[in-house]
Amino acid sequence: MSIEAKAFLEGGPDELPERIVPIQPPGTELKVPFRGGYEHFKATSRHEETAQGRLPVYEWWERTEIAE
């Protein structure tokens, strides 16, 4: 049985549908598709206590647009 790694997202658009997301594989950057672009989050050394347990915090740092 494998346990899926998850992260807690901090910052970025208030309208993001999820603040707890899977991370595959865990690393230093996470790219979340949102409204025609990507929200980029970087891993921090902090953790957040959530209903799903203690998760690493990924902090928003930029948005990029998807080229059409």
PDB file of N, CA and C in Angstrom:
ATOM      1  N   MET A   1       0.838  -1.169   0.000  1.00  0.00           N
ATOM      2  CA  MET A   1       0.000   0.000   0.000  1.00  0.00           C
ATOM      3  C   MET A   1       0.891   1.242   0.000  1.00  0.00           C
ATOM      4  N   SER A   2       0.679   2.154  -0.983  1.00  0.00           N
ATOM      5  CA  SER A   2       1.476   3.368  -1.034  1.00  0.00           C
ATOM      6  C   SER A   2       0.685   4.532  -0.467  1.00  0.00           C
ATOM      7  N   ILE A   3       1.400   5.438   0.169  1.00  0.00           N
ATOM      8  CA  ILE A   3       0.776   6.631   0.728  1.00  0.00           C
ATOM      9  C   ILE A   3       1.153   7.786  -0.183  1.00  0.00           C
ATOM     10  N   GLU A   4       0.148   8.495  -0.694  1.00  0.00           N
ATOM     11  CA  GLU A   4       0.386   9.611  -1.591  1.00  0.00           C
ATOM     12  C   GLU A   4       0.903  10.810  -0.808  1.00  0.00           C
ATOM     13  N   ALA A   5       1.998  11.396  -1.284  1.00  0.00           N
ATOM     14  CA  ALA A   5       2.547  12.594  -0.659  1.00  0.00           C
ATOM     15  C   ALA A   5       1.660  13.779  -1.002  1.00  0.00           C
ATOM     16  N   LYS A   6       1.439  14.652  -0.024  1.00  0.00           N
ATOM     17  CA  LYS A   6       0.601  15.827  -0.223  1.00  0.00           C
ATOM     18  C   LYS A   6       1.299  17.050   0.331  1.00  0.00           C
ATOM     19  N   ALA A   7       0.850  18.223  -0.133  1.00  0.00           N
ATOM     20  CA  ALA A   7       1.402  19.488   0.332  1.00  0.00           C
ATOM     21  C   ALA A   7       0.270  20.458   0.631  1.00  0.00           C
ATOM     22  N   PHE A   8       0.553  21.417   1.509  1.00  0.00           N
ATOM     23  CA  PHE A   8      -0.367  22.500   1.811  1.00  0.00           C
ATOM     24  C   PHE A   8       0.094  23.734   1.057  1.00  0.00           C
ATOM     25  N   LEU A   9      -0.803  24.333   0.240  1.00  0.00           N
ATOM     26  CA  LEU A   9      -0.455  25.508  -0.556  1.00  0.00           C
ATOM     27  C   LEU A   9      -0.778  26.787   0.213  1.00  0.00           C
ATOM     28  N   GLU A  10       0.192  27.686   0.234  1.00  0.00           N
ATOM     29  CA  GLU A  10       0.035  28.967   0.930  1.00  0.00           C
ATOM     30  C   GLU A  10       0.235  30.094  -0.078  1.00  0.00           C
ATOM     31  N   GLY A  11      -0.685  31.064  -0.080  1.00  0.00           N
ATOM     32  CA  GLY A  11      -0.587  32.189  -1.003  1.00  0.00           C
ATOM     33  C   GLY A  11      -1.238  31.872  -2.333  1.00  0.00           C
ATOM     34  N   GLY A  12      -0.990  32.732  -3.316  1.00  0.00           N
ATOM     35  CA  GLY A  12      -1.606  32.561  -4.624  1.00  0.00           C
ATOM     36  C   GLY A  12      -3.041  33.042  -4.625  1.00  0.00           C
ATOM     37  N   PRO A  13      -3.776  32.759  -5.709  1.00  0.00           N
ATOM     38  CA  PRO A  13      -5.154  33.231  -5.824  1.00  0.00           C
ATOM     39  C   PRO A  13      -6.066  32.658  -4.733  1.00  0.00           C
ATOM     40  N   ASP A  14      -6.931  33.497  -4.189  1.00  0.00           N
ATOM     41  CA  ASP A  14      -7.898  33.040  -3.189  1.00  0.00           C
ATOM     42  C   ASP A  14      -8.852  31.999  -3.768  1.00  0.00           C
ATOM     43  N   GLU A  15      -9.049  32.027  -5.085  1.00  0.00           N
ATOM     44  CA  GLU A  15     -10.026  31.154  -5.741  1.00  0.00           C
ATOM     45  C   GLU A  15      -9.506  29.750  -6.051  1.00  0.00           C
ATOM     46  N   LEU A  16      -8.266  29.444  -5.688  1.00  0.00           N
ATOM     47  CA  LEU A  16      -7.769  28.083  -5.938  1.00  0.00           C
ATOM     48  C   LEU A  16      -8.728  27.079  -5.314  1.00  0.00           C
ATOM     49  N   PRO A  17      -9.132  26.047  -6.079  1.00  0.00           N
ATOM     50  CA  PRO A  17     -10.123  25.107  -5.549  1.00  0.00           C
ATOM     51  C   PRO A  17      -9.618  24.219  -4.417  1.00  0.00           C
ATOM     52  N   GLU A  18      -8.324  23.951  -4.371  1.00  0.00           N
ATOM     53  CA  GLU A  18      -7.766  23.074  -3.340  1.00  0.00           C
ATOM     54  C   GLU A  18      -6.529  23.712  -2.717  1.00  0.00           C
ATOM     55  N   ARG A  19      -6.396  23.560  -1.418  1.00  0.00           N
ATOM     56  CA  ARG A  19      -5.187  24.018  -0.728  1.00  0.00           C
ATOM     57  C   ARG A  19      -4.314  22.852  -0.301  1.00  0.00           C
ATOM     58  N   ILE A  20      -4.864  21.635  -0.354  1.00  0.00           N
ATOM     59  CA  ILE A  20      -4.082  20.425  -0.103  1.00  0.00           C
ATOM     60  C   ILE A  20      -4.068  19.642  -1.401  1.00  0.00           C
ATOM     61  N   VAL A  21      -2.862  19.433  -1.940  1.00  0.00           N
ATOM     62  CA  VAL A  21      -2.729  18.801  -3.252  1.00  0.00           C
ATOM     63  C   VAL A  21      -1.686  17.693  -3.207  1.00  0.00           C
ATOM     64  N   PRO A  22      -1.826  16.695  -4.100  1.00  0.00           N
ATOM     65  CA  PRO A  22      -0.796  15.655  -4.188  1.00  0.00           C
ATOM     66  C   PRO A  22       0.471  16.223  -4.805  1.00  0.00           C
ATOM     67  N   ILE A  23       1.601  15.693  -4.411  1.00  0.00           N
ATOM     68  CA  ILE A  23       2.879  16.068  -5.006  1.00  0.00           C
ATOM     69  C   ILE A  23       3.575  14.810  -5.486  1.00  0.00           C
ATOM     70  N   GLN A  24       3.941  14.788  -6.765  1.00  0.00           N
ATOM     71  CA  GLN A  24       4.589  13.626  -7.378  1.00  0.00           C
ATOM     72  C   GLN A  24       5.766  14.068  -8.207  1.00  0.00           C
ATOM     73  N   PRO A  25       6.949  13.770  -7.931  1.00  0.00           N
ATOM     74  CA  PRO A  25       7.471  13.394  -6.619  1.00  0.00           C
ATOM     75  C   PRO A  25       7.667  14.644  -5.773  1.00  0.00           C
ATOM     76  N   PRO A  26       7.805  14.493  -4.473  1.00  0.00           N
ATOM     77  CA  PRO A  26       8.083  15.655  -3.629  1.00  0.00           C
ATOM     78  C   PRO A  26       9.373  16.327  -4.088  1.00  0.00           C
ATOM     79  N   GLY A  27       9.380  17.640  -4.099  1.00  0.00           N
ATOM     80  CA  GLY A  27      10.567  18.349  -4.569  1.00  0.00           C
ATOM     81  C   GLY A  27      10.561  19.799  -4.146  1.00  0.00           C
ATOM     82  N   THR A  28      11.186  20.618  -4.944  1.00  0.00           N
ATOM     83  CA  THR A  28      11.326  22.015  -4.560  1.00  0.00           C
ATOM     84  C   THR A  28      10.305  22.922  -5.227  1.00  0.00           C
ATOM     85  N   GLU A  29       9.631  22.460  -6.301  1.00  0.00           N
ATOM     86  CA  GLU A  29       8.648  23.302  -6.981  1.00  0.00           C
ATOM     87  C   GLU A  29       7.407  22.499  -7.342  1.00  0.00           C
ATOM     88  N   LEU A  30       6.266  23.177  -7.328  1.00  0.00           N
ATOM     89  CA  LEU A  30       4.984  22.568  -7.674  1.00  0.00           C
ATOM     90  C   LEU A  30       4.279  23.510  -8.626  1.00  0.00           C
ATOM     91  N   LYS A  31       3.728  22.976  -9.725  1.00  0.00           N
ATOM     92  CA  LYS A  31       3.049  23.779 -10.735  1.00  0.00           C
ATOM     93  C   LYS A  31       1.588  23.335 -10.782  1.00  0.00           C
ATOM     94  N   VAL A  32       0.665  24.263 -10.483  1.00  0.00           N
ATOM     95  CA  VAL A  32      -0.761  23.949 -10.404  1.00  0.00           C
ATOM     96  C   VAL A  32      -1.490  24.649 -11.556  1.00  0.00           C
ATOM     97  N   PRO A  33      -2.146  23.885 -12.467  1.00  0.00           N
ATOM     98  CA  PRO A  33      -2.898  24.530 -13.540  1.00  0.00           C
ATOM     99  C   PRO A  33      -4.100  25.283 -12.965  1.00  0.00           C
ATOM    100  N   PHE A  34      -4.316  26.532 -13.452  1.00  0.00           N
ATOM    101  CA  PHE A  34      -5.421  27.343 -12.942  1.00  0.00           C
ATOM    102  C   PHE A  34      -5.721  28.475 -13.921  1.00  0.00           C
ATOM    103  N   ARG A  35      -6.952  28.528 -14.401  1.00  0.00           N
ATOM    104  CA  ARG A  35      -7.458  29.611 -15.247  1.00  0.00           C
ATOM    105  C   ARG A  35      -6.511  30.024 -16.371  1.00  0.00           C
ATOM    106  N   GLY A  36      -6.174  29.084 -17.225  1.00  0.00           N
ATOM    107  CA  GLY A  36      -5.366  29.390 -18.399  1.00  0.00           C
ATOM    108  C   GLY A  36      -3.893  29.621 -18.134  1.00  0.00           C
ATOM    109  N   GLY A  37      -3.433  29.196 -16.996  1.00  0.00           N
ATOM    110  CA  GLY A  37      -2.022  29.354 -16.666  1.00  0.00           C
ATOM    111  C   GLY A  37      -1.609  28.374 -15.592  1.00  0.00           C
ATOM    112  N   TYR A  38      -0.477  28.645 -14.983  1.00  0.00           N
ATOM    113  CA  TYR A  38       0.022  27.819 -13.888  1.00  0.00           C
ATOM    114  C   TYR A  38       0.388  28.706 -12.712  1.00  0.00           C
ATOM    115  N   GLU A  39       0.019  28.265 -11.526  1.00  0.00           N
ATOM    116  CA  GLU A  39       0.466  28.898 -10.290  1.00  0.00           C
ATOM    117  C   GLU A  39       1.651  28.078  -9.812  1.00  0.00           C
ATOM    118  N   HIS A  40       2.757  28.747  -9.520  1.00  0.00           N
ATOM    119  CA  HIS A  40       3.984  28.075  -9.107  1.00  0.00           C
ATOM    120  C   HIS A  40       4.195  28.244  -7.604  1.00  0.00           C
ATOM    121  N   PHE A  41       4.500  27.140  -6.959  1.00  0.00           N
ATOM    122  CA  PHE A  41       4.733  27.112  -5.520  1.00  0.00           C
ATOM    123  C   PHE A  41       6.093  26.478  -5.257  1.00  0.00           C
ATOM    124  N   LYS A  42       6.832  27.028  -4.301  1.00  0.00           N
ATOM    125  CA  LYS A  42       8.127  26.475  -3.904  1.00  0.00           C
ATOM    126  C   LYS A  42       8.024  25.873  -2.505  1.00  0.00           C
ATOM    127  N   ALA A  43       8.731  24.775  -2.298  1.00  0.00           N
ATOM    128  CA  ALA A  43       8.755  24.124  -0.987  1.00  0.00           C
ATOM    129  C   ALA A  43       9.425  25.047   0.030  1.00  0.00           C
ATOM    130  N   THR A  44       8.926  25.022   1.249  1.00  0.00           N
ATOM    131  CA  THR A  44       9.537  25.756   2.352  1.00  0.00           C
ATOM    132  C   THR A  44      10.003  24.734   3.382  1.00  0.00           C
ATOM    133  N   SER A  45      10.621  25.201   4.432  1.00  0.00           N
ATOM    134  CA  SER A  45      11.027  24.294   5.518  1.00  0.00           C
ATOM    135  C   SER A  45       9.923  24.153   6.560  1.00  0.00           C
ATOM    136  N   ARG A  46       8.804  24.841   6.347  1.00  0.00           N
ATOM    137  CA  ARG A  46       7.695  24.833   7.316  1.00  0.00           C
ATOM    138  C   ARG A  46       6.713  23.697   7.054  1.00  0.00           C
ATOM    139  N   HIS A  47       5.906  23.385   8.083  1.00  0.00           N
ATOM    140  CA  HIS A  47       4.836  22.391   7.994  1.00  0.00           C
ATOM    141  C   HIS A  47       3.560  22.981   8.569  1.00  0.00           C
ATOM    142  N   GLU A  48       2.420  22.452   8.128  1.00  0.00           N
ATOM    143  CA  GLU A  48       1.107  22.904   8.581  1.00  0.00           C
ATOM    144  C   GLU A  48       0.332  21.701   9.103  1.00  0.00           C
ATOM    145  N   GLU A  49      -0.280  21.863  10.269  1.00  0.00           N
ATOM    146  CA  GLU A  49      -1.163  20.815  10.796  1.00  0.00           C
ATOM    147  C   GLU A  49      -2.516  20.949  10.101  1.00  0.00           C
ATOM    148  N   THR A  50      -2.968  19.903   9.420  1.00  0.00           N
ATOM    149  CA  THR A  50      -4.237  19.930   8.688  1.00  0.00           C
ATOM    150  C   THR A  50      -5.089  18.734   9.102  1.00  0.00           C
ATOM    151  N   ALA A  51      -6.297  18.686   8.589  1.00  0.00           N
ATOM    152  CA  ALA A  51      -7.172  17.539   8.842  1.00  0.00           C
ATOM    153  C   ALA A  51      -6.588  16.262   8.238  1.00  0.00           C
ATOM    154  N   GLN A  52      -5.659  16.409   7.286  1.00  0.00           N
ATOM    155  CA  GLN A  52      -5.025  15.248   6.650  1.00  0.00           C
ATOM    156  C   GLN A  52      -3.636  14.967   7.213  1.00  0.00           C
ATOM    157  N   GLY A  53      -3.323  15.601   8.342  1.00  0.00           N
ATOM    158  CA  GLY A  53      -2.036  15.372   8.984  1.00  0.00           C
ATOM    159  C   GLY A  53      -1.091  16.548   8.805  1.00  0.00           C
ATOM    160  N   ARG A  54       0.130  16.352   9.246  1.00  0.00           N
ATOM    161  CA  ARG A  54       1.159  17.393   9.154  1.00  0.00           C
ATOM    162  C   ARG A  54       1.752  17.363   7.739  1.00  0.00           C
ATOM    163  N   LEU A  55       1.592  18.481   7.013  1.00  0.00           N
ATOM    164  CA  LEU A  55       2.015  18.528   5.616  1.00  0.00           C
ATOM    165  C   LEU A  55       3.062  19.610   5.387  1.00  0.00           C
ATOM    166  N   PRO A  56       3.950  19.389   4.419  1.00  0.00           N
ATOM    167  CA  PRO A  56       4.909  20.437   4.065  1.00  0.00           C
ATOM    168  C   PRO A  56       4.173  21.621   3.433  1.00  0.00           C
ATOM    169  N   VAL A  57       4.649  22.831   3.706  1.00  0.00           N
ATOM    170  CA  VAL A  57       4.052  24.043   3.145  1.00  0.00           C
ATOM    171  C   VAL A  57       4.797  24.414   1.873  1.00  0.00           C
ATOM    172  N   TYR A  58       4.038  24.622   0.807  1.00  0.00           N
ATOM    173  CA  TYR A  58       4.574  25.146  -0.445  1.00  0.00           C
ATOM    174  C   TYR A  58       4.011  26.556  -0.589  1.00  0.00           C
ATOM    175  N   GLU A  59       4.894  27.526  -0.829  1.00  0.00           N
ATOM    176  CA  GLU A  59       4.526  28.939  -0.871  1.00  0.00           C
ATOM    177  C   GLU A  59       4.491  29.438  -2.319  1.00  0.00           C
ATOM    178  N   TRP A  60       3.413  30.188  -2.651  1.00  0.00           N
ATOM    179  CA  TRP A  60       3.264  30.734  -3.996  1.00  0.00           C
ATOM    180  C   TRP A  60       4.386  31.697  -4.303  1.00  0.00           C
ATOM    181  N   TRP A  61       4.883  31.670  -5.557  1.00  0.00           N
ATOM    182  CA  TRP A  61       5.925  32.639  -5.916  1.00  0.00           C
ATOM    183  C   TRP A  61       5.741  33.266  -7.292  1.00  0.00           C
ATOM    184  N   GLU A  62       4.965  32.642  -8.216  1.00  0.00           N
ATOM    185  CA  GLU A  62       4.696  33.296  -9.488  1.00  0.00           C
ATOM    186  C   GLU A  62       3.598  32.588 -10.261  1.00  0.00           C
ATOM    187  N   ARG A  63       3.118  33.278 -11.309  1.00  0.00           N
ATOM    188  CA  ARG A  63       2.129  32.719 -12.226  1.00  0.00           C
ATOM    189  C   ARG A  63       2.688  32.826 -13.625  1.00  0.00           C
ATOM    190  N   THR A  64       2.468  31.777 -14.437  1.00  0.00           N
ATOM    191  CA  THR A  64       2.817  31.837 -15.853  1.00  0.00           C
ATOM    192  C   THR A  64       1.559  31.532 -16.662  1.00  0.00           C
ATOM    193  N   GLU A  65       1.484  32.102 -17.852  1.00  0.00           N
ATOM    194  CA  GLU A  65       0.345  31.891 -18.746  1.00  0.00           C
ATOM    195  C   GLU A  65       0.644  30.740 -19.686  1.00  0.00           C
ATOM    196  N   ILE A  66      -0.401  30.022 -20.097  1.00  0.00           N
ATOM    197  CA  ILE A  66      -0.276  28.962 -21.090  1.00  0.00           C
ATOM    198  C   ILE A  66      -0.399  29.612 -22.460  1.00  0.00           C
ATOM    199  N   ALA A  67       0.586  29.406 -23.332  1.00  0.00           N
ATOM    200  CA  ALA A  67       0.563  29.996 -24.673  1.00  0.00           C
ATOM    201  C   ALA A  67      -0.547  29.350 -25.508  1.00  0.00           C
ATOM    202  N   GLU A  68      -1.245  30.166 -26.239  1.00  0.00           N
ATOM    203  CA  GLU A  68      -2.324  29.638 -27.093  1.00  0.00           C
ATOM    204  C   GLU A  68      -1.895  29.545 -28.523  1.00  0.00           C
TER     205      GLU A  68
END
